[in-house]
C-alpha atoms as a PDB file:
ATOM      1  CA  SER A   1       0.000   0.000   0.000  1.00  0.00           C
ATOM      2  CA  HIS A   2       2.931   2.360   0.672  1.00  0.00           C
ATOM      3  CA  LEU A   3       4.229   1.798  -2.836  1.00  0.00           C
ATOM      4  CA  LYS A   4       0.989   2.777  -4.517  1.00  0.00           C
ATOM      5  CA  ALA A   5       0.207   5.648  -2.171  1.00  0.00           C
ATOM      6  CA  GLU A   6       3.678   7.216  -2.250  1.00  0.00           C
ATOM      7  CA  ALA A   7       5.192   6.267  -5.608  1.00  0.00           C
ATOM      8  CA  LEU A   8       2.293   5.981  -8.031  1.00  0.00           C
ATOM      9  CA  TYR A   9      -0.927   7.746  -7.061  1.00  0.00           C
ATOM     10  CA  PRO A  10       0.508  11.274  -6.554  1.00  0.00           C
ATOM     11  CA  TYR A  11       1.891  11.322 -10.121  1.00  0.00           C
ATOM     12  CA  ASP A  12       0.334  11.441 -13.567  1.00  0.00           C
ATOM     13  CA  ILE A  13       2.072   8.375 -14.996  1.00  0.00           C
ATOM     14  CA  ARG A  14       1.809   8.086 -18.774  1.00  0.00           C
ATOM     15  CA  SER A  15       3.805   4.948 -19.563  1.00  0.00           C
ATOM     16  CA  ILE A  16       4.857   1.581 -18.216  1.00  0.00           C
ATOM     17  CA  GLU A  17       8.499   2.710 -18.300  1.00  0.00           C
ATOM     18  CA  GLU A  18       7.762   5.727 -16.111  1.00  0.00           C
ATOM     19  CA  ALA A  19       5.837   3.547 -13.653  1.00  0.00           C
ATOM     20  CA  GLN A  20       8.693   1.059 -13.552  1.00  0.00           C
ATOM     21  CA  GLN A  21      11.249   3.819 -12.881  1.00  0.00           C
ATOM     22  CA  ARG A  22       9.157   5.233 -10.029  1.00  0.00           C
ATOM     23  CA  ILE A  23       8.681   1.760  -8.529  1.00  0.00           C
ATOM     24  CA  GLU A  24      12.407   0.966  -8.688  1.00  0.00           C
ATOM     25  CA  ALA A  25      13.332   4.329  -7.147  1.00  0.00           C
ATOM     26  CA  PHE A  26      10.801   3.831  -4.351  1.00  0.00           C
ATOM     27  CA  ILE A  27      12.039   0.313  -3.569  1.00  0.00           C
ATOM     28  CA  GLN A  28      15.616   1.567  -3.427  1.00  0.00           C
ATOM     29  CA  PHE A  29      14.605   4.408  -1.113  1.00  0.00           C
ATOM     30  CA  TYR A  30      12.458   2.154   1.062  1.00  0.00           C
ATOM     31  CA  ASN A  31      15.215  -0.437   1.592  1.00  0.00           C
ATOM     32  CA  GLU A  32      18.409   1.600   1.476  1.00  0.00           C
ATOM     33  CA  GLU A  33      17.684   5.173   2.595  1.00  0.00           C
ATOM     34  CA  ARG A  34      14.629   5.187   4.856  1.00  0.00           C
ATOM     35  CA  ILE A  35      15.585   5.294   8.538  1.00  0.00           C
ATOM     36  CA  GLN A  36      13.506   3.157  10.893  1.00  0.00           C
ATOM     37  CA  LEU A  37      13.178   4.063  14.560  1.00  0.00           C
ATOM     38  CA  LYS A  38      12.332   0.481  15.487  1.00  0.00           C
ATOM     39  CA  LEU A  39      15.628  -0.625  13.882  1.00  0.00           C
ATOM     40  CA  ASN A  40      17.655   1.733  16.103  1.00  0.00           C
ATOM     41  CA  LYS A  41      17.668   4.497  13.484  1.00  0.00           C
ATOM     42  CA  LEU A  42      19.191   2.266  10.818  1.00  0.00           C
ATOM     43  CA  THR A  43      17.964   1.590   7.320  1.00  0.00           C
ATOM     44  CA  PRO A  44      16.649  -1.934   6.666  1.00  0.00           C
ATOM     45  CA  ILE A  45      19.791  -2.783   4.656  1.00  0.00           C
ATOM     46  CA  GLU A  46      22.114  -1.517   7.415  1.00  0.00           C
ATOM     47  CA  TYR A  47      20.183  -3.495  10.009  1.00  0.00           C
ATOM     48  CA  ARG A  48      20.421  -6.718   7.988  1.00  0.00           C
ATOM     49  CA  ARG A  49      24.139  -6.201   7.418  1.00  0.00           C
ATOM     50  CA  GLN A  50      24.635  -5.684  11.140  1.00  0.00           C
ATOM     51  CA  LEU A  51      22.916  -9.001  11.879  1.00  0.00           C
ATOM     52  CA  ALA A  52      24.948 -10.871   9.254  1.00  0.00           C
ATOM     53  CA  VAL A  53      28.317  -9.917  10.765  1.00  0.00           C
END
């Protein structure tokens, strides 16, 4: 639901390519840049890397 509400609905998307670019950018942001308080202010990727070490 976050993907649609934040990456697709606010924009006037005219092509599949544009939709795909927005989806890929959102997924990258969501996993690699978005800080989570419940993960001790780490991004999901940083948190997973911390657990793997």
